[in-house]
N, C-alpha and C. Protein backbone atom coordinates (compact mmCIF):
# COMPACT_ATOMS: atom_id res chain seq x y z
N MET A 1 94.53 206.19 -35.35
CA MET A 1 94.07 205.67 -34.09
C MET A 1 94.83 206.33 -32.94
N LEU A 2 96.15 206.50 -33.10
CA LEU A 2 96.93 207.16 -32.06
C LEU A 2 96.48 208.60 -31.86
N ASP A 3 96.18 209.26 -32.98
CA ASP A 3 95.72 210.65 -32.89
C ASP A 3 94.41 210.74 -32.11
N ALA A 4 93.49 209.81 -32.36
CA ALA A 4 92.20 209.83 -31.66
C ALA A 4 92.39 209.56 -30.17
N LEU A 5 93.26 208.62 -29.85
CA LEU A 5 93.52 208.32 -28.44
C LEU A 5 94.13 209.53 -27.74
N PHE A 6 95.12 210.15 -28.38
CA PHE A 6 95.76 211.30 -27.75
C PHE A 6 94.79 212.47 -27.63
N LYS A 7 93.93 212.67 -28.65
CA LYS A 7 92.95 213.76 -28.58
C LYS A 7 92.00 213.54 -27.40
N HIS A 8 91.58 212.30 -27.19
CA HIS A 8 90.71 211.98 -26.06
C HIS A 8 91.42 212.29 -24.73
N LEU A 9 92.67 211.87 -24.61
CA LEU A 9 93.42 212.11 -23.38
C LEU A 9 93.62 213.61 -23.13
N ALA A 10 93.86 214.37 -24.19
CA ALA A 10 94.04 215.82 -24.05
C ALA A 10 92.72 216.51 -23.70
N ASP A 11 91.63 216.09 -24.35
CA ASP A 11 90.32 216.70 -24.08
C ASP A 11 89.86 216.45 -22.65
N GLU A 12 90.18 215.31 -22.11
CA GLU A 12 89.78 214.96 -20.75
C GLU A 12 90.79 215.44 -19.71
N HIS A 13 91.84 216.12 -20.15
CA HIS A 13 92.90 216.67 -19.29
C HIS A 13 93.59 215.58 -18.47
N VAL A 14 93.75 214.43 -19.09
CA VAL A 14 94.45 213.32 -18.44
C VAL A 14 95.96 213.51 -18.56
N VAL A 15 96.38 214.10 -19.67
CA VAL A 15 97.80 214.25 -19.97
C VAL A 15 98.20 215.70 -19.79
N ALA A 16 99.23 215.93 -18.99
CA ALA A 16 99.77 217.29 -18.84
C ALA A 16 100.66 217.60 -20.04
N HIS A 17 100.79 218.85 -20.38
CA HIS A 17 101.64 219.31 -21.49
C HIS A 17 101.23 218.65 -22.81
N SER A 18 99.96 218.60 -23.07
CA SER A 18 99.46 217.89 -24.25
C SER A 18 99.94 218.51 -25.56
N PHE A 19 100.14 219.83 -25.60
CA PHE A 19 100.61 220.45 -26.84
C PHE A 19 102.00 219.96 -27.20
N GLU A 20 102.91 219.94 -26.21
CA GLU A 20 104.28 219.50 -26.47
C GLU A 20 104.32 218.03 -26.87
N ILE A 21 103.51 217.23 -26.22
CA ILE A 21 103.48 215.80 -26.55
C ILE A 21 102.91 215.59 -27.95
N ALA A 22 101.88 216.36 -28.31
CA ALA A 22 101.30 216.25 -29.65
C ALA A 22 102.31 216.64 -30.72
N GLN A 23 103.11 217.66 -30.46
CA GLN A 23 104.14 218.06 -31.42
C GLN A 23 105.19 216.96 -31.59
N GLY A 24 105.60 216.37 -30.50
CA GLY A 24 106.58 215.28 -30.57
C GLY A 24 106.01 214.06 -31.27
N LEU A 25 104.75 213.77 -31.01
CA LEU A 25 104.10 212.63 -31.65
C LEU A 25 103.98 212.85 -33.15
N ALA A 26 103.62 214.06 -33.55
CA ALA A 26 103.47 214.36 -34.97
C ALA A 26 104.81 214.25 -35.70
N ALA A 27 105.89 214.61 -35.02
CA ALA A 27 107.21 214.58 -35.65
C ALA A 27 107.73 213.16 -35.84
N THR A 28 107.25 212.21 -35.05
CA THR A 28 107.80 210.85 -35.12
C THR A 28 106.78 209.79 -35.52
N THR A 29 105.60 210.18 -35.94
CA THR A 29 104.56 209.21 -36.29
C THR A 29 105.00 208.30 -37.43
N GLY A 30 105.59 208.87 -38.47
CA GLY A 30 106.02 208.07 -39.61
C GLY A 30 107.05 207.03 -39.23
N GLU A 31 108.02 207.43 -38.44
CA GLU A 31 109.05 206.50 -37.98
C GLU A 31 108.44 205.41 -37.09
N PHE A 32 107.50 205.79 -36.23
CA PHE A 32 106.85 204.81 -35.37
C PHE A 32 106.07 203.78 -36.19
N LEU A 33 105.32 204.24 -37.17
CA LEU A 33 104.55 203.32 -38.00
C LEU A 33 105.46 202.38 -38.79
N GLU A 34 106.58 202.88 -39.26
CA GLU A 34 107.55 202.03 -39.97
C GLU A 34 108.14 200.98 -39.03
N THR A 35 108.41 201.36 -37.80
CA THR A 35 108.93 200.41 -36.81
C THR A 35 107.90 199.33 -36.52
N VAL A 36 106.64 199.70 -36.39
CA VAL A 36 105.59 198.71 -36.13
C VAL A 36 105.42 197.80 -37.35
N ARG A 37 105.47 198.38 -38.54
CA ARG A 37 105.26 197.60 -39.76
C ARG A 37 106.37 196.57 -39.96
N THR A 38 107.64 196.98 -39.77
CA THR A 38 108.77 196.09 -40.04
C THR A 38 109.17 195.26 -38.83
N GLY A 39 108.85 195.73 -37.64
CA GLY A 39 109.25 195.03 -36.43
C GLY A 39 110.70 195.28 -36.04
N GLN A 40 111.34 196.24 -36.69
CA GLN A 40 112.74 196.56 -36.39
C GLN A 40 112.85 198.00 -35.92
N ASN A 41 113.55 198.19 -34.82
CA ASN A 41 113.78 199.52 -34.30
C ASN A 41 115.14 199.99 -34.80
N LEU A 42 115.15 200.99 -35.65
CA LEU A 42 116.40 201.46 -36.26
C LEU A 42 117.33 202.12 -35.25
N HIS A 43 116.79 202.61 -34.15
CA HIS A 43 117.61 203.31 -33.16
C HIS A 43 118.07 202.39 -32.04
N HIS A 44 117.78 201.12 -32.15
CA HIS A 44 118.08 200.18 -31.07
C HIS A 44 119.33 199.37 -31.42
N HIS A 45 120.47 200.04 -31.48
CA HIS A 45 121.73 199.38 -31.80
C HIS A 45 122.59 199.33 -30.56
N HIS A 46 123.08 198.15 -30.25
CA HIS A 46 123.99 197.99 -29.12
C HIS A 46 125.31 197.47 -29.64
N ALA A 47 126.35 198.24 -29.40
CA ALA A 47 127.68 197.77 -29.78
C ALA A 47 128.11 196.70 -28.78
N ARG A 48 128.75 195.68 -29.29
CA ARG A 48 129.22 194.61 -28.42
C ARG A 48 130.32 195.16 -27.53
N GLN A 49 130.17 194.93 -26.24
CA GLN A 49 131.15 195.42 -25.29
C GLN A 49 132.10 194.30 -24.91
N GLU A 50 133.37 194.64 -24.87
CA GLU A 50 134.38 193.68 -24.45
C GLU A 50 134.40 193.61 -22.93
N PRO A 51 134.70 192.46 -22.36
CA PRO A 51 134.78 192.36 -20.90
C PRO A 51 135.93 193.19 -20.35
N VAL A 52 135.75 193.70 -19.15
CA VAL A 52 136.77 194.51 -18.50
C VAL A 52 137.86 193.59 -17.98
N VAL A 53 139.10 193.92 -18.33
CA VAL A 53 140.25 193.14 -17.86
C VAL A 53 141.08 194.06 -16.98
N HIS A 54 141.23 193.70 -15.72
CA HIS A 54 142.01 194.51 -14.80
C HIS A 54 143.49 194.26 -15.03
N GLN A 55 144.27 195.33 -15.09
CA GLN A 55 145.69 195.22 -15.37
C GLN A 55 146.52 195.14 -14.09
N ALA A 56 145.93 195.47 -12.96
CA ALA A 56 146.68 195.49 -11.70
C ALA A 56 146.99 194.06 -11.24
N GLU A 57 148.12 193.92 -10.57
CA GLU A 57 148.52 192.62 -10.05
C GLU A 57 147.63 192.27 -8.86
N LYS A 58 147.19 191.03 -8.81
CA LYS A 58 146.30 190.59 -7.75
C LYS A 58 147.10 190.35 -6.47
N LEU A 59 146.56 190.82 -5.35
CA LEU A 59 147.21 190.61 -4.06
C LEU A 59 146.91 189.22 -3.54
N GLY A 60 147.93 188.57 -3.00
CA GLY A 60 147.74 187.28 -2.36
C GLY A 60 147.40 187.48 -0.89
N ARG A 61 146.98 186.42 -0.23
CA ARG A 61 146.60 186.51 1.19
C ARG A 61 147.78 186.91 2.06
N ASN A 62 148.98 186.46 1.71
CA ASN A 62 150.14 186.72 2.56
C ASN A 62 150.97 187.92 2.11
N ASP A 63 150.53 188.62 1.08
CA ASP A 63 151.23 189.83 0.63
C ASP A 63 150.92 190.97 1.60
N PRO A 64 151.83 191.95 1.70
CA PRO A 64 151.54 193.13 2.53
C PRO A 64 150.33 193.88 1.98
N CYS A 65 149.54 194.42 2.87
CA CYS A 65 148.34 195.15 2.46
C CYS A 65 148.74 196.41 1.69
N SER A 66 147.96 196.75 0.69
CA SER A 66 148.27 197.91 -0.15
C SER A 66 147.96 199.24 0.54
N CYS A 67 147.32 199.21 1.71
CA CYS A 67 147.00 200.46 2.40
C CYS A 67 148.22 201.05 3.12
N GLY A 68 149.28 200.24 3.28
CA GLY A 68 150.50 200.73 3.91
C GLY A 68 150.56 200.50 5.40
N SER A 69 149.67 199.69 5.94
CA SER A 69 149.66 199.46 7.39
C SER A 69 150.80 198.55 7.84
N GLY A 70 151.36 197.79 6.93
CA GLY A 70 152.41 196.84 7.28
C GLY A 70 151.87 195.47 7.64
N LYS A 71 150.57 195.35 7.77
CA LYS A 71 149.95 194.06 8.09
C LYS A 71 149.80 193.25 6.81
N LYS A 72 149.61 191.95 6.99
CA LYS A 72 149.30 191.11 5.85
C LYS A 72 147.90 191.47 5.36
N PHE A 73 147.71 191.31 4.06
CA PHE A 73 146.41 191.64 3.45
C PHE A 73 145.27 190.88 4.13
N LYS A 74 145.48 189.60 4.46
CA LYS A 74 144.41 188.79 5.04
C LYS A 74 143.99 189.27 6.42
N LYS A 75 144.89 189.96 7.15
CA LYS A 75 144.57 190.46 8.49
C LYS A 75 144.07 191.91 8.46
N CYS A 76 144.24 192.57 7.33
CA CYS A 76 143.88 194.00 7.25
C CYS A 76 142.59 194.19 6.44
N HIS A 77 142.70 194.25 5.12
CA HIS A 77 141.55 194.50 4.26
C HIS A 77 141.03 193.24 3.57
N GLY A 78 141.60 192.10 3.85
CA GLY A 78 141.19 190.87 3.20
C GLY A 78 140.09 190.12 3.91
N LYS A 79 139.42 190.77 4.82
CA LYS A 79 138.38 190.09 5.61
C LYS A 79 137.13 189.90 4.80
């Protein structure tokens, strides 16, 4: 069915680069049909990511600003 649909799109010049797309489709048709049959995508693996933990010390409102201006953080970049 996919082949017939793609042939129709190529014959009507709806799809650009139809030869390249047909080659790619032919190379992955078996894998696609297996994915549809089982409902599982073998290439869809996501490793669990750990949350980002910042190691830098947090500036308080009354600490000197880290830019070096000499002002308190709340009056300089803490706005």
